[in-house]
Protein backbone atom coordinates (compact mmCIF):
# COMPACT_ATOMS: atom_id res chain seq x y z
CA MET A 1 77.11 95.29 98.72
CA ASN A 2 78.39 97.77 96.16
CA THR A 3 82.10 98.19 95.56
CA VAL A 4 82.37 101.81 96.72
CA SER A 5 80.71 101.02 100.07
CA SER A 6 82.86 97.95 100.67
CA GLU A 7 86.06 99.84 99.81
CA LYS A 8 85.21 102.58 102.30
CA ALA A 9 84.30 99.97 104.95
CA GLU A 10 87.78 98.43 104.72
CA GLY A 11 89.43 101.86 104.99
CA ILE A 12 91.17 101.82 101.63
CA GLU A 13 90.30 104.06 98.72
CA TYR A 14 91.20 102.56 95.35
CA PRO A 15 93.16 103.01 93.19
CA ILE A 16 96.13 103.04 95.57
CA LEU A 17 99.85 102.38 95.28
CA PHE A 18 100.20 99.05 97.04
CA PRO A 19 103.39 97.26 98.15
CA ILE A 20 103.33 93.48 98.06
CA LYS A 21 106.07 91.24 99.47
CA VAL A 22 106.72 87.89 97.82
CA ILE A 23 109.12 85.38 99.37
CA GLY A 24 110.38 82.26 97.66
CA ALA A 25 113.31 79.98 97.01
CA SER A 26 116.36 81.69 95.53
CA THR A 27 116.52 80.29 92.04
CA PRO A 28 117.83 81.85 88.83
CA ARG A 29 114.28 82.42 87.50
CA TYR A 30 112.50 83.41 90.73
CA GLN A 31 112.51 87.20 90.28
CA GLU A 32 111.62 86.95 86.59
CA LEU A 33 108.72 84.60 87.36
CA VAL A 34 107.29 86.84 90.10
CA LEU A 35 107.54 89.94 87.93
CA ASP A 36 105.91 88.13 84.98
CA ILE A 37 102.95 87.14 87.18
CA LEU A 38 102.62 90.65 88.60
CA ARG A 39 102.90 92.37 85.22
CA LYS A 40 100.17 90.14 83.82
CA HIS A 41 97.76 91.72 86.32
CA ALA A 42 99.49 95.04 87.07
CA PRO A 43 101.49 96.23 84.05
CA ASP A 44 102.76 99.31 85.90
CA VAL A 45 105.28 97.25 87.94
CA ASP A 46 108.77 98.18 86.82
CA ASN A 47 112.24 97.26 88.01
CA HIS A 48 112.66 100.62 89.78
CA LYS A 49 109.75 99.75 92.08
CA VAL A 50 111.18 96.39 93.17
CA VAL A 51 113.24 95.95 96.32
CA THR A 52 115.12 92.65 96.57
CA SER A 53 116.71 91.11 99.65
CA GLU A 54 118.25 87.73 100.35
CA SER A 55 117.92 85.64 103.52
CA LYS A 56 121.02 85.23 105.68
CA THR A 57 121.68 81.82 104.12
CA ASN A 58 120.76 82.98 100.58
CA LYS A 59 118.17 80.19 100.49
CA TYR A 60 115.24 82.63 100.06
CA THR A 61 114.69 85.84 98.13
CA SER A 62 112.21 88.52 99.14
CA LEU A 63 110.78 90.88 96.53
CA THR A 64 108.78 93.93 97.55
CA CYS A 65 106.95 95.29 94.52
CA THR A 66 104.76 98.40 94.39
CA PHE A 67 101.92 98.69 91.89
CA LEU A 68 98.61 100.48 91.41
CA ALA A 69 95.85 98.36 92.96
CA GLU A 70 92.50 99.08 91.31
CA SER A 71 90.25 97.28 93.82
CA ARG A 72 90.14 94.61 96.51
CA GLU A 73 89.23 92.08 93.82
CA HIS A 74 92.31 93.13 91.83
CA LEU A 75 94.48 92.42 94.90
CA GLU A 76 92.83 89.04 95.47
CA ILE A 77 93.52 88.01 91.86
CA ILE A 78 97.19 88.98 92.20
CA TYR A 79 97.58 87.19 95.56
CA SER A 80 95.98 84.04 94.12
CA ALA A 81 98.17 84.07 91.00
CA LEU A 82 101.34 84.47 93.06
CA LYS A 83 100.36 81.77 95.59
CA ALA A 84 99.69 79.35 92.71
CA SER A 85 103.36 79.41 91.70
CA PRO A 86 105.44 76.54 93.10
CA LEU A 87 108.42 78.89 93.55
CA VAL A 88 106.49 81.27 95.84
CA SER A 89 106.43 80.40 99.55
CA ILE A 90 104.76 83.46 101.13
CA VAL A 91 102.82 86.47 99.86
CA ILE A 92 102.34 89.36 102.29
């Protein structure tokens, strides 16, 4: 199946600004690590496009980052890279 047909079948036209939420343990390096992984694959992520929130107990940090997704494959690579990190618990 060609890429254009598959992109239309899933209802998303790429490139698209895409928000991704990454949740992990609140550690001093957590945000830096997540942003380093994202910037490796999506260099357009900047600090102004990141929304941070802490859990009620401050045990977990949630980062919502918006970047330009080029294709479904691009998203899959980013999801896989984030999930491979031991500090990341959930990627939505």
